[in-house]
C-alpha cells in the first residue's frame, strides 16, 4: 500500500456494527446491501457487473487495484456497484496494458469506498448473521447517524432494478448472422454477447420492458434472457409476458442468472432470498447428466426454491455442491434450459462454455 496521507472513512452496518478505515475512490456517502466476493482476480469485471447494481462489494482477496484498470475488462458501460470495501487498496499498478489506476477509475465513476478494514472478519460476521444493508461514508463520520441510515436503506427483497441497468433502445450486435437471437437486457454482460457472437449469432438486444410485438417482428431463431440485479419476482411483473411469448414460440430458449429465475417463475416455480448468496469464481457445480464438476463463477442472492420444484415442469440439471442449491434446469413443456451461474465468466478454465454450444445446437437442429 502507498504511504500517502488518507482521509478517514466509516463502514456502518444495519445491525450496529461500525468499522473505521481509509477513504478510497470518490468522497461521499453511499449505501446498499453488503455482500462479498471471494474471487482473487477480476475486480473490474465484478465492479461493472450489472447484477451487482445497488450493492456494496466487499472483496475478500486482500490486494485490490494492483493491476489497474483497462476498458476491455468492463462488463458494462459504467461501474454498477454502489460502493467498494477492501483490505489493502493499491494506489499504484504495474500492468503495462492498464490505462489508469483503480483510484482514478473509481473517482471517474463517482464510486465511494473504504480500505484498511478486516474484510475476512466482516465476511464471517455476514455468514453468521446473513446479508444486511450498510453505509460507507468519508464525509459524515457520526456513527449513530450512519447506522440509522443503514437501517433505513431499502432492502433488496422486493426491489425491481433491471430497468435501472438496461439499455434505452434496442441494438443489433452483428455476428455471422447464421442464427438470429433475441436477447433481453436485464443487465446483460458484455462477455455473454461476445460468446454468442463468436458462435455465429447476430443479436438483437432488447431493453427490459420491450413490448412483445416488437420482439415478434424480429423473427428470431432463439431467445436469450440475461442476468440482472434485484428481486426476480419484482422483475417478473413486466418480464413474464415476453418470457411466455418466447416459450410458446417453440424456438429454443436459454436463460442465465435472473433469466433462469424468470423462466422458472413463468412455469409456476418459486424463488427465494438466500441467507448469504453465492458470489465468487470458485463455486463447484455438479452436472447431473455427466457427473462432472464444473468450477463456476457465481453472483446471486436469490435462487429457485427447490421446494417448489415439479418434475412435470422441469428437471434439475446442475446443483451447487456447497449447499445443494439448484444451479440449472431443463424445461419439459418447451425447448428451453437455464443456469443460475455464469458460463461466460470463465474463472480460469472454460468448464461451462458448452452451454452456449448447446443453445446453438438446439437452434441448428430446429432450422
Foldseek 3Di string as FASTA:
>chain_A
DDPDDFFKKWKAFLVGDIDIFTKFFAAFKWKAKEAEAAAQDLPQQVQQQQQQARYEYEYQNAEPFAAADDPVSHQAPAGRHQAYEHAHYDLDYDHPRHDHTVRVRRNVRVHIYGYNTNRVVVNVVCVVQFIAMMMMHRPDDDSVVRNVVRNPDDHLALDQCLLVQWDPAKDKDAAQCPFEEEEERSRATPLVVVLLSVVHYIYTYGYLQDDLVVVVVVPGQEYEYEAHYGHLVNSLVRRLVNLVVRQVVQHEYEYEASRQQSNCVNLPFDKDFARRFDAYQAWWKAFPVVRDIDGFGADDRMATDPVRDDPQFWDQGMATPVPGTRAKIQGDSGNYIYGNTDLSPQSPHNRRSCVSVVSVVRSVVVD
